[in-house]
Amino acid sequence: MSLETPLHKVQGMGSSHSGVSHFWRQRVTAAALIPLSIWFGVSVLGLIGAHEAATLAFLSQPLNAILMAFFVVILLFHMALGLQVVIDDYVHSNGQKLVLMLLMRGFSIAVGATAMFALLRIAGPL
């Protein structure tokens, strides 16, 4: 038996007991992806028809490499947040939920690490 009022028990918490932080993380990453997606789209359109050397030269510039790294990391984090909601809402078995969450997180980390390794190889000496 708790001495807390029912309102105090649920204040700031959603059904998954994580509060509004998940909601705000999704919104902040979505807002950060707006200018990064515009930069990415303009960059890709500018590289249409270019040779591999031009693309590598583009990504070897420090500003472009940093923006690409931010784009990839924030995109993967936003994707993981969205998939977490889907898994929480539509997978009802705790075992399956755990396995899918681990696979999703592992995939995100693997893709992010691969992208960062590739960017480091392109942009700087390794």
C-alpha atoms as a PDB file:
ATOM      1  CA  MET A   1       0.000   0.000   0.000  1.00  0.00           C
ATOM      2  CA  SER A   2       1.386   3.343  -1.038  1.00  0.00           C
ATOM      3  CA  LEU A   3       0.591   6.711   0.460  1.00  0.00           C
ATOM      4  CA  GLU A   4       0.835   8.373  -2.965  1.00  0.00           C
ATOM      5  CA  THR A   5      -2.315   9.707  -4.561  1.00  0.00           C
ATOM      6  CA  PRO A   6      -3.365   8.098  -7.837  1.00  0.00           C
ATOM      7  CA  LEU A   7      -2.585  11.358  -9.652  1.00  0.00           C
ATOM      8  CA  HIS A   8       0.962  11.437  -8.277  1.00  0.00           C
ATOM      9  CA  LYS A   9       1.529   7.822  -9.327  1.00  0.00           C
ATOM     10  CA  VAL A  10       0.732   8.513 -12.978  1.00  0.00           C
ATOM     11  CA  GLN A  11       1.842  12.116 -13.287  1.00  0.00           C
ATOM     12  CA  GLY A  12       4.159  12.460 -16.277  1.00  0.00           C
ATOM     13  CA  MET A  13       3.991   8.785 -17.105  1.00  0.00           C
ATOM     14  CA  GLY A  14       2.451   7.120 -20.119  1.00  0.00           C
ATOM     15  CA  SER A  15       1.293   3.538 -20.363  1.00  0.00           C
ATOM     16  CA  SER A  16       4.878   2.305 -20.684  1.00  0.00           C
ATOM     17  CA  HIS A  17       5.928   4.227 -17.549  1.00  0.00           C
ATOM     18  CA  SER A  18       8.500   6.222 -19.440  1.00  0.00           C
ATOM     19  CA  GLY A  19       6.663   9.526 -19.330  1.00  0.00           C
ATOM     20  CA  VAL A  20       6.820  12.058 -22.088  1.00  0.00           C
ATOM     21  CA  SER A  21      10.574  11.760 -22.690  1.00  0.00           C
ATOM     22  CA  HIS A  22      10.072   9.240 -25.511  1.00  0.00           C
ATOM     23  CA  PHE A  23       7.538  11.561 -27.142  1.00  0.00           C
ATOM     24  CA  TRP A  24       9.917  14.531 -26.927  1.00  0.00           C
ATOM     25  CA  ARG A  25      12.886  12.534 -28.211  1.00  0.00           C
ATOM     26  CA  GLN A  26      10.876  11.618 -31.295  1.00  0.00           C
ATOM     27  CA  ARG A  27       9.812  15.219 -31.848  1.00  0.00           C
ATOM     28  CA  VAL A  28      13.313  16.639 -31.349  1.00  0.00           C
ATOM     29  CA  THR A  29      14.897  14.098 -33.702  1.00  0.00           C
ATOM     30  CA  ALA A  30      12.157  14.768 -36.260  1.00  0.00           C
ATOM     31  CA  ALA A  31      12.802  18.512 -36.026  1.00  0.00           C
ATOM     32  CA  ALA A  32      16.561  17.949 -36.388  1.00  0.00           C
ATOM     33  CA  LEU A  33      15.971  15.769 -39.431  1.00  0.00           C
ATOM     34  CA  ILE A  34      14.141  18.527 -41.316  1.00  0.00           C
ATOM     35  CA  PRO A  35      17.190  20.681 -42.161  1.00  0.00           C
ATOM     36  CA  LEU A  36      19.453  17.634 -42.402  1.00  0.00           C
ATOM     37  CA  SER A  37      17.082  15.974 -44.881  1.00  0.00           C
ATOM     38  CA  ILE A  38      16.941  19.132 -46.964  1.00  0.00           C
ATOM     39  CA  TRP A  39      20.769  19.276 -46.990  1.00  0.00           C
ATOM     40  CA  PHE A  40      20.914  15.561 -47.890  1.00  0.00           C
ATOM     41  CA  GLY A  41      18.365  15.918 -50.695  1.00  0.00           C
ATOM     42  CA  VAL A  42      20.095  18.936 -52.209  1.00  0.00           C
ATOM     43  CA  SER A  43      23.452  17.161 -51.942  1.00  0.00           C
ATOM     44  CA  VAL A  44      22.182  14.009 -53.622  1.00  0.00           C
ATOM     45  CA  LEU A  45      20.533  16.001 -56.381  1.00  0.00           C
ATOM     46  CA  GLY A  46      23.799  17.855 -56.911  1.00  0.00           C
ATOM     47  CA  LEU A  47      25.679  14.575 -57.213  1.00  0.00           C
ATOM     48  CA  ILE A  48      23.366  13.017 -59.802  1.00  0.00           C
ATOM     49  CA  GLY A  49      25.471  11.868 -62.724  1.00  0.00           C
ATOM     50  CA  ALA A  50      28.735  12.519 -60.884  1.00  0.00           C
ATOM     51  CA  HIS A  51      31.480   9.953 -60.797  1.00  0.00           C
ATOM     52  CA  GLU A  52      32.527   8.069 -57.690  1.00  0.00           C
ATOM     53  CA  ALA A  53      35.533  10.367 -57.274  1.00  0.00           C
ATOM     54  CA  ALA A  54      33.258  13.440 -57.084  1.00  0.00           C
ATOM     55  CA  THR A  55      31.114  11.789 -54.431  1.00  0.00           C
ATOM     56  CA  LEU A  56      34.180  10.831 -52.411  1.00  0.00           C
ATOM     57  CA  ALA A  57      35.553  14.363 -52.763  1.00  0.00           C
ATOM     58  CA  PHE A  58      32.209  15.752 -51.571  1.00  0.00           C
ATOM     59  CA  LEU A  59      32.186  13.511 -48.483  1.00  0.00           C
ATOM     60  CA  SER A  60      35.854  14.147 -47.750  1.00  0.00           C
ATOM     61  CA  GLN A  61      35.100  17.796 -47.012  1.00  0.00           C
ATOM     62  CA  PRO A  62      34.852  18.143 -43.208  1.00  0.00           C
ATOM     63  CA  LEU A  63      31.517  19.994 -43.113  1.00  0.00           C
ATOM     64  CA  ASN A  64      29.833  17.483 -45.422  1.00  0.00           C
ATOM     65  CA  ALA A  65      31.257  14.535 -43.471  1.00  0.00           C
ATOM     66  CA  ILE A  66      30.025  15.987 -40.169  1.00  0.00           C
ATOM     67  CA  LEU A  67      26.565  16.731 -41.551  1.00  0.00           C
ATOM     68  CA  MET A  68      26.354  13.220 -43.022  1.00  0.00           C
ATOM     69  CA  ALA A  69      27.394  11.713 -39.679  1.00  0.00           C
ATOM     70  CA  PHE A  70      24.725  13.751 -37.863  1.00  0.00           C
ATOM     71  CA  PHE A  71      22.147  12.789 -40.478  1.00  0.00           C
ATOM     72  CA  VAL A  72      22.878   9.068 -40.150  1.00  0.00           C
ATOM     73  CA  VAL A  73      23.019   9.027 -36.335  1.00  0.00           C
ATOM     74  CA  ILE A  74      19.878  11.101 -35.834  1.00  0.00           C
ATOM     75  CA  LEU A  75      18.015   9.167 -38.530  1.00  0.00           C
ATOM     76  CA  LEU A  76      18.894   5.822 -36.930  1.00  0.00           C
ATOM     77  CA  PHE A  77      17.960   7.077 -33.462  1.00  0.00           C
ATOM     78  CA  HIS A  78      14.624   8.373 -34.783  1.00  0.00           C
ATOM     79  CA  MET A  79      14.027   5.057 -36.541  1.00  0.00           C
ATOM     80  CA  ALA A  80      14.752   3.106 -33.348  1.00  0.00           C
ATOM     81  CA  LEU A  81      12.351   5.277 -31.348  1.00  0.00           C
ATOM     82  CA  GLY A  82       9.595   4.724 -33.895  1.00  0.00           C
ATOM     83  CA  LEU A  83      10.160   0.978 -34.123  1.00  0.00           C
ATOM     84  CA  GLN A  84      10.177   0.736 -30.333  1.00  0.00           C
ATOM     85  CA  VAL A  85       6.652   2.172 -30.274  1.00  0.00           C
ATOM     86  CA  VAL A  86       5.517  -0.242 -32.968  1.00  0.00           C
ATOM     87  CA  ILE A  87       7.011  -3.213 -31.113  1.00  0.00           C
ATOM     88  CA  ASP A  88       5.521  -2.084 -27.792  1.00  0.00           C
ATOM     89  CA  ASP A  89       2.068  -1.609 -29.326  1.00  0.00           C
ATOM     90  CA  TYR A  90       1.774  -4.641 -31.593  1.00  0.00           C
ATOM     91  CA  VAL A  91       3.897  -7.420 -30.085  1.00  0.00           C
ATOM     92  CA  HIS A  92       2.194  -8.925 -27.060  1.00  0.00           C
ATOM     93  CA  SER A  93       4.578 -11.699 -26.044  1.00  0.00           C
ATOM     94  CA  ASN A  94       7.290 -10.451 -23.701  1.00  0.00           C
ATOM     95  CA  GLY A  95       9.841 -12.883 -25.162  1.00  0.00           C
ATOM     96  CA  GLN A  96       9.192 -11.801 -28.735  1.00  0.00           C
ATOM     97  CA  LYS A  97       9.190  -8.164 -27.659  1.00  0.00           C
ATOM     98  CA  LEU A  98      12.608  -8.548 -26.032  1.00  0.00           C
ATOM     99  CA  VAL A  99      14.096 -10.354 -29.039  1.00  0.00           C
ATOM    100  CA  LEU A 100      12.724  -7.793 -31.498  1.00  0.00           C
ATOM    101  CA  MET A 101      13.963  -4.872 -29.382  1.00  0.00           C
ATOM    102  CA  LEU A 102      17.439  -6.405 -29.203  1.00  0.00           C
ATOM    103  CA  LEU A 103      17.489  -7.095 -32.953  1.00  0.00           C
ATOM    104  CA  MET A 104      16.284  -3.576 -33.729  1.00  0.00           C
ATOM    105  CA  ARG A 105      18.877  -1.974 -31.452  1.00  0.00           C
ATOM    106  CA  GLY A 106      21.621  -4.255 -32.759  1.00  0.00           C
ATOM    107  CA  PHE A 107      20.707  -3.413 -36.346  1.00  0.00           C
ATOM    108  CA  SER A 108      20.727   0.321 -35.585  1.00  0.00           C
ATOM    109  CA  ILE A 109      24.109   0.117 -33.885  1.00  0.00           C
ATOM    110  CA  ALA A 110      25.591  -2.029 -36.672  1.00  0.00           C
ATOM    111  CA  VAL A 111      24.381   0.298 -39.431  1.00  0.00           C
ATOM    112  CA  GLY A 112      25.539   3.364 -37.500  1.00  0.00           C
ATOM    113  CA  ALA A 113      28.969   1.888 -36.798  1.00  0.00           C
ATOM    114  CA  THR A 114      29.385   0.852 -40.433  1.00  0.00           C
ATOM    115  CA  ALA A 115      28.386   4.305 -41.665  1.00  0.00           C
ATOM    116  CA  MET A 116      30.742   6.051 -39.215  1.00  0.00           C
ATOM    117  CA  PHE A 117      33.598   3.744 -40.213  1.00  0.00           C
ATOM    118  CA  ALA A 118      32.971   4.477 -43.900  1.00  0.00           C
ATOM    119  CA  LEU A 119      32.825   8.228 -43.274  1.00  0.00           C
ATOM    120  CA  LEU A 120      36.054   8.115 -41.284  1.00  0.00           C
ATOM    121  CA  ARG A 121      37.735   6.185 -44.081  1.00  0.00           C
ATOM    122  CA  ILE A 122      36.547   8.729 -46.642  1.00  0.00           C
ATOM    123  CA  ALA A 123      36.990  11.936 -44.663  1.00  0.00           C
ATOM    124  CA  GLY A 124      40.146  11.290 -42.707  1.00  0.00           C
ATOM    125  CA  PRO A 125      43.111   9.010 -42.308  1.00  0.00           C
ATOM    126  CA  LEU A 126      42.447   5.802 -40.448  1.00  0.00           C
END
